[in-house]
Amino acid sequence: MEKKLITELTDQELEEELKKRKKERIIVAAMMGFLVGAAVWSATHTKGFRTFLILALVFFVGKQNSGKVEEITNEINARKIL
């Protein structure tokens, strides 16, 4: 299935995509919380380099998923203005 650009989606498809991305955001936040907990445990119990690797993974996951919901809400708001 070919991925469409956000500007090519219909209003209903945008609403569905927004719901899907909001659910993904909750899952990613839970994953990040788990990883931060693992990093804290690693820092207090092992004192190794793993702590920094885990925190780097948290940063990478957070950076990759930021802005997805805002992108769609901005498109929906732009269409409402027109």
N, C-alpha and C. Protein backbone atom coordinates (compact mmCIF):
# COMPACT_ATOMS: atom_id res chain seq x y z
N MET A 1 0.84 -1.17 0.00
CA MET A 1 0.00 0.00 0.00
C MET A 1 0.89 1.24 0.00
N GLU A 2 0.62 2.11 -0.91
CA GLU A 2 1.41 3.33 -1.04
C GLU A 2 0.94 4.36 -0.03
N LYS A 3 1.88 4.99 0.63
CA LYS A 3 1.54 5.98 1.65
C LYS A 3 1.24 7.32 0.99
N LYS A 4 0.11 7.90 1.35
CA LYS A 4 -0.30 9.19 0.80
C LYS A 4 0.28 10.33 1.63
N LEU A 5 0.44 11.47 1.00
CA LEU A 5 0.82 12.67 1.73
C LEU A 5 -0.39 13.15 2.52
N ILE A 6 -0.14 13.87 3.58
CA ILE A 6 -1.24 14.36 4.42
C ILE A 6 -2.15 15.29 3.65
N THR A 7 -1.59 16.06 2.75
CA THR A 7 -2.41 17.00 1.98
C THR A 7 -3.32 16.29 0.98
N GLU A 8 -3.02 15.04 0.66
CA GLU A 8 -3.84 14.27 -0.29
C GLU A 8 -4.98 13.51 0.37
N LEU A 9 -5.01 13.46 1.70
CA LEU A 9 -6.04 12.73 2.41
C LEU A 9 -7.34 13.52 2.47
N THR A 10 -8.45 12.80 2.51
CA THR A 10 -9.75 13.45 2.67
C THR A 10 -9.92 13.82 4.15
N ASP A 11 -10.97 14.58 4.45
CA ASP A 11 -11.22 15.00 5.83
C ASP A 11 -11.45 13.80 6.74
N GLN A 12 -12.21 12.83 6.27
CA GLN A 12 -12.49 11.64 7.07
C GLN A 12 -11.20 10.83 7.29
N GLU A 13 -10.39 10.69 6.26
CA GLU A 13 -9.12 9.97 6.41
C GLU A 13 -8.20 10.69 7.39
N LEU A 14 -8.23 12.02 7.37
CA LEU A 14 -7.43 12.79 8.33
C LEU A 14 -7.87 12.52 9.76
N GLU A 15 -9.17 12.47 9.99
CA GLU A 15 -9.68 12.20 11.33
C GLU A 15 -9.26 10.80 11.79
N GLU A 16 -9.33 9.82 10.90
CA GLU A 16 -8.93 8.45 11.25
C GLU A 16 -7.43 8.39 11.53
N GLU A 17 -6.64 9.08 10.73
CA GLU A 17 -5.19 9.10 10.93
C GLU A 17 -4.85 9.80 12.25
N LEU A 18 -5.59 10.83 12.60
CA LEU A 18 -5.36 11.53 13.87
C LEU A 18 -5.63 10.60 15.05
N LYS A 19 -6.72 9.84 14.99
CA LYS A 19 -7.03 8.90 16.06
C LYS A 19 -5.95 7.84 16.18
N LYS A 20 -5.48 7.34 15.04
CA LYS A 20 -4.45 6.30 15.03
C LYS A 20 -3.15 6.83 15.64
N ARG A 21 -2.78 8.03 15.27
CA ARG A 21 -1.52 8.60 15.78
C ARG A 21 -1.61 8.95 17.25
N LYS A 22 -2.79 9.31 17.73
CA LYS A 22 -2.94 9.58 19.16
C LYS A 22 -2.77 8.29 19.97
N LYS A 23 -3.30 7.19 19.45
CA LYS A 23 -3.11 5.90 20.12
C LYS A 23 -1.63 5.51 20.12
N GLU A 24 -0.96 5.73 18.99
CA GLU A 24 0.47 5.44 18.90
C GLU A 24 1.25 6.28 19.90
N ARG A 25 0.83 7.51 20.09
CA ARG A 25 1.52 8.42 21.01
C ARG A 25 1.47 7.88 22.43
N ILE A 26 0.34 7.31 22.83
CA ILE A 26 0.19 6.75 24.17
C ILE A 26 1.10 5.54 24.33
N ILE A 27 1.15 4.69 23.32
CA ILE A 27 2.00 3.51 23.37
C ILE A 27 3.47 3.90 23.46
N VAL A 28 3.87 4.89 22.67
CA VAL A 28 5.27 5.34 22.68
C VAL A 28 5.61 5.96 24.03
N ALA A 29 4.69 6.70 24.62
CA ALA A 29 4.94 7.30 25.93
C ALA A 29 5.13 6.21 26.99
N ALA A 30 4.33 5.16 26.91
CA ALA A 30 4.48 4.04 27.86
C ALA A 30 5.83 3.35 27.66
N MET A 31 6.23 3.16 26.40
CA MET A 31 7.54 2.56 26.13
C MET A 31 8.67 3.42 26.67
N MET A 32 8.56 4.72 26.47
CA MET A 32 9.59 5.64 26.96
C MET A 32 9.65 5.61 28.49
N GLY A 33 8.51 5.54 29.14
CA GLY A 33 8.48 5.45 30.59
C GLY A 33 9.15 4.18 31.09
N PHE A 34 8.88 3.08 30.41
CA PHE A 34 9.53 1.82 30.76
C PHE A 34 11.04 1.92 30.59
N LEU A 35 11.48 2.51 29.49
CA LEU A 35 12.92 2.65 29.24
C LEU A 35 13.59 3.58 30.25
N VAL A 36 12.91 4.64 30.64
CA VAL A 36 13.48 5.53 31.67
C VAL A 36 13.60 4.76 32.99
N GLY A 37 12.60 3.97 33.31
CA GLY A 37 12.68 3.13 34.52
C GLY A 37 13.84 2.15 34.44
N ALA A 38 14.03 1.56 33.27
CA ALA A 38 15.15 0.63 33.09
C ALA A 38 16.48 1.37 33.22
N ALA A 39 16.55 2.59 32.74
CA ALA A 39 17.78 3.37 32.85
C ALA A 39 18.07 3.72 34.31
N VAL A 40 17.04 4.06 35.06
CA VAL A 40 17.23 4.36 36.48
C VAL A 40 17.70 3.11 37.21
N TRP A 41 17.07 1.99 36.93
CA TRP A 41 17.49 0.74 37.56
C TRP A 41 18.93 0.42 37.18
N SER A 42 19.27 0.59 35.93
CA SER A 42 20.62 0.31 35.47
C SER A 42 21.63 1.23 36.15
N ALA A 43 21.28 2.47 36.33
CA ALA A 43 22.19 3.42 36.97
C ALA A 43 22.42 3.08 38.44
N THR A 44 21.40 2.57 39.11
CA THR A 44 21.54 2.29 40.54
C THR A 44 22.10 0.91 40.83
N HIS A 45 21.99 -0.01 39.88
CA HIS A 45 22.43 -1.38 40.14
C HIS A 45 23.68 -1.81 39.39
N THR A 46 23.89 -1.34 38.18
CA THR A 46 25.01 -1.87 37.40
C THR A 46 26.13 -0.87 37.18
N LYS A 47 25.84 0.40 37.22
CA LYS A 47 26.84 1.46 37.01
C LYS A 47 27.61 1.30 35.70
N GLY A 48 26.93 0.84 34.68
CA GLY A 48 27.60 0.60 33.41
C GLY A 48 27.21 1.58 32.33
N PHE A 49 27.71 1.30 31.15
CA PHE A 49 27.46 2.12 29.98
C PHE A 49 26.05 1.93 29.45
N ARG A 50 25.37 0.87 29.90
CA ARG A 50 24.01 0.58 29.44
C ARG A 50 23.05 1.73 29.72
N THR A 51 23.25 2.41 30.82
CA THR A 51 22.37 3.51 31.18
C THR A 51 22.34 4.56 30.08
N PHE A 52 23.49 4.92 29.58
CA PHE A 52 23.55 5.94 28.53
C PHE A 52 22.95 5.43 27.22
N LEU A 53 23.13 4.15 26.94
CA LEU A 53 22.53 3.58 25.72
C LEU A 53 21.01 3.60 25.81
N ILE A 54 20.49 3.27 26.98
CA ILE A 54 19.04 3.27 27.15
C ILE A 54 18.49 4.69 27.03
N LEU A 55 19.16 5.65 27.64
CA LEU A 55 18.70 7.04 27.56
C LEU A 55 18.82 7.58 26.13
N ALA A 56 19.84 7.14 25.40
CA ALA A 56 19.96 7.54 24.00
C ALA A 56 18.80 6.97 23.19
N LEU A 57 18.40 5.73 23.49
CA LEU A 57 17.26 5.12 22.81
C LEU A 57 15.97 5.89 23.13
N VAL A 58 15.80 6.30 24.37
CA VAL A 58 14.62 7.09 24.75
C VAL A 58 14.59 8.40 23.95
N PHE A 59 15.74 9.06 23.88
CA PHE A 59 15.82 10.31 23.13
C PHE A 59 15.49 10.08 21.66
N PHE A 60 16.03 9.02 21.06
CA PHE A 60 15.79 8.71 19.65
C PHE A 60 14.31 8.44 19.39
N VAL A 61 13.70 7.64 20.23
CA VAL A 61 12.28 7.30 20.06
C VAL A 61 11.42 8.55 20.22
N GLY A 62 11.73 9.37 21.21
CA GLY A 62 10.97 10.60 21.42
C GLY A 62 11.11 11.57 20.27
N LYS A 63 12.31 11.72 19.77
CA LYS A 63 12.56 12.64 18.66
C LYS A 63 11.85 12.18 17.39
N GLN A 64 11.85 10.87 17.16
CA GLN A 64 11.25 10.32 15.94
C GLN A 64 9.73 10.47 15.94
N ASN A 65 9.12 10.43 17.11
CA ASN A 65 7.65 10.46 17.18
C ASN A 65 7.08 11.83 17.50
N SER A 66 7.91 12.81 17.69
CA SER A 66 7.39 14.14 18.01
C SER A 66 6.85 14.81 16.76
N GLY A 67 5.77 15.51 16.91
CA GLY A 67 5.22 16.30 15.82
C GLY A 67 4.26 15.58 14.89
N LYS A 68 4.04 14.29 15.08
CA LYS A 68 3.14 13.57 14.18
C LYS A 68 1.69 14.02 14.35
N VAL A 69 1.25 14.18 15.58
CA VAL A 69 -0.13 14.59 15.84
C VAL A 69 -0.33 16.05 15.44
N GLU A 70 0.67 16.88 15.76
CA GLU A 70 0.56 18.30 15.43
C GLU A 70 0.49 18.54 13.94
N GLU A 71 1.18 17.70 13.18
CA GLU A 71 1.16 17.83 11.73
C GLU A 71 -0.25 17.66 11.18
N ILE A 72 -0.96 16.68 11.69
CA ILE A 72 -2.33 16.43 11.21
C ILE A 72 -3.28 17.50 11.72
N THR A 73 -3.15 17.89 12.98
CA THR A 73 -4.05 18.93 13.49
C THR A 73 -3.85 20.25 12.77
N ASN A 74 -2.63 20.55 12.39
CA ASN A 74 -2.39 21.76 11.61
C ASN A 74 -3.07 21.69 10.24
N GLU A 75 -3.03 20.52 9.61
CA GLU A 75 -3.69 20.35 8.31
C GLU A 75 -5.21 20.47 8.46
N ILE A 76 -5.77 19.89 9.51
CA ILE A 76 -7.21 19.98 9.74
C ILE A 76 -7.62 21.43 9.98
N ASN A 77 -6.85 22.15 10.79
CA ASN A 77 -7.15 23.56 11.05
C ASN A 77 -7.00 24.41 9.80
N ALA A 78 -6.03 24.10 8.97
CA ALA A 78 -5.86 24.86 7.72
C ALA A 78 -7.04 24.65 6.79
N ARG A 79 -7.59 23.46 6.79
CA ARG A 79 -8.76 23.18 5.93
C ARG A 79 -10.02 23.85 6.47
N LYS A 80 -10.13 23.99 7.78
CA LYS A 80 -11.30 24.64 8.37
C LYS A 80 -11.32 26.12 8.04
N ILE A 81 -10.13 26.71 7.96
CA ILE A 81 -10.03 28.15 7.63
C ILE A 81 -10.48 28.39 6.20
N LEU A 82 -10.11 27.49 5.30
CA LEU A 82 -10.47 27.66 3.89
C LEU A 82 -11.91 27.33 3.73
